[in-house]
Amino acid sequence: MARHEVRLPQLSMGMSDAEIIDWYVEEGEEVAKDADLVEIEAEKARQMIVAPHAGVVSELRGESGDVIEVRDLLCVIDSPA
């Protein structure tokens, strides 16, 4: 099993954090590569974070309304090795 950590990317030079708007997946759910994971808002712009790998979402971090820092862990996707 391969563990893939999905972290909040820095989407612009001045971005330091973002607010979680809505999760599109739940723990235990299978996702395809490039599937929508979570919508965030940073610097008054909304952005979708997509799955970099196919697999099963084994861990979600944060809830709607939470503010997270750039490079903080958003979720973990486990996929067959």
Protein backbone atom coordinates (compact mmCIF):
# COMPACT_ATOMS: atom_id res chain seq x y z
CA MET A 1 0.00 0.00 0.00
CA ALA A 2 1.33 3.44 -0.93
CA ARG A 3 0.44 6.43 1.25
CA HIS A 4 0.02 9.76 -0.55
CA GLU A 5 -0.20 12.91 1.56
CA VAL A 6 -2.18 15.75 0.00
CA ARG A 7 -0.98 19.09 1.35
CA LEU A 8 -2.27 22.62 0.84
CA PRO A 9 -0.29 24.02 -2.10
CA GLN A 10 0.91 27.61 -2.25
CA LEU A 11 -1.23 28.85 -5.14
CA SER A 12 0.26 32.37 -5.27
CA MET A 13 3.35 34.16 -3.99
CA GLY A 14 1.58 35.91 -1.12
CA MET A 15 -0.59 32.98 -0.01
CA SER A 16 0.11 31.77 3.53
CA ASP A 17 -3.16 30.02 4.47
CA ALA A 18 -6.61 29.07 3.18
CA GLU A 19 -10.07 28.32 4.53
CA ILE A 20 -11.68 24.94 3.91
CA ILE A 21 -15.03 25.62 2.22
CA ASP A 22 -16.36 22.12 1.53
CA TRP A 23 -15.10 18.53 1.34
CA TYR A 24 -16.26 16.50 -1.67
CA VAL A 25 -15.06 13.16 -0.24
CA GLU A 26 -15.37 11.21 2.99
CA GLU A 27 -12.95 8.93 4.82
CA GLY A 28 -13.12 5.43 3.34
CA GLU A 29 -14.29 6.70 -0.06
CA GLU A 30 -12.54 5.58 -3.22
CA VAL A 31 -11.39 8.41 -5.48
CA ALA A 32 -10.07 8.61 -9.04
CA LYS A 33 -6.98 10.59 -10.00
CA ASP A 34 -7.96 14.26 -10.56
CA ALA A 35 -11.27 13.85 -8.68
CA ASP A 36 -12.40 16.88 -6.66
CA LEU A 37 -11.30 16.54 -3.01
CA VAL A 38 -11.87 19.88 -1.30
CA GLU A 39 -12.78 23.45 -2.15
CA ILE A 40 -10.70 26.13 -0.44
CA GLU A 41 -10.72 29.92 -0.37
CA ALA A 42 -7.46 31.84 -0.34
CA GLU A 43 -7.03 35.56 -0.95
CA LYS A 44 -10.74 35.92 -1.77
CA ALA A 45 -10.56 33.32 -4.57
CA ARG A 46 -12.01 29.83 -4.42
CA GLN A 47 -9.95 26.92 -5.71
CA MET A 48 -10.54 23.18 -6.01
CA ILE A 49 -7.86 20.77 -4.79
CA VAL A 50 -7.93 17.50 -6.75
CA ALA A 51 -6.62 14.02 -6.01
CA PRO A 52 -3.04 13.55 -7.26
CA HIS A 53 -3.49 9.76 -7.13
CA ALA A 54 -6.33 7.23 -7.30
CA GLY A 55 -7.06 5.27 -4.14
CA VAL A 56 -9.00 5.32 -0.89
CA VAL A 57 -9.21 8.41 1.31
CA SER A 58 -7.92 7.15 4.65
CA GLU A 59 -7.71 10.44 6.56
CA LEU A 60 -9.23 13.92 6.32
CA ARG A 61 -7.83 16.90 8.22
CA GLY A 62 -9.96 19.92 9.01
CA GLU A 63 -13.60 20.80 8.58
CA SER A 64 -15.53 23.49 6.73
CA GLY A 65 -14.56 26.87 8.15
CA ASP A 66 -11.11 25.76 9.38
CA VAL A 67 -8.14 27.86 8.29
CA ILE A 68 -5.01 25.87 7.44
CA GLU A 69 -1.47 26.91 6.62
CA VAL A 70 0.30 26.32 3.30
CA ARG A 71 1.88 22.84 3.26
CA ASP A 72 -0.40 21.57 6.06
CA LEU A 73 -1.82 18.09 5.55
CA LEU A 74 -5.30 18.09 3.98
CA CYS A 75 -5.84 14.37 3.52
CA VAL A 76 -4.19 11.00 2.93
CA ILE A 77 -4.95 8.73 -0.03
CA ASP A 78 -3.88 5.09 0.14
CA SER A 79 -3.38 3.30 -3.16
CA PRO A 80 -2.14 -0.16 -4.14
CA ALA A 81 1.64 -0.26 -4.48
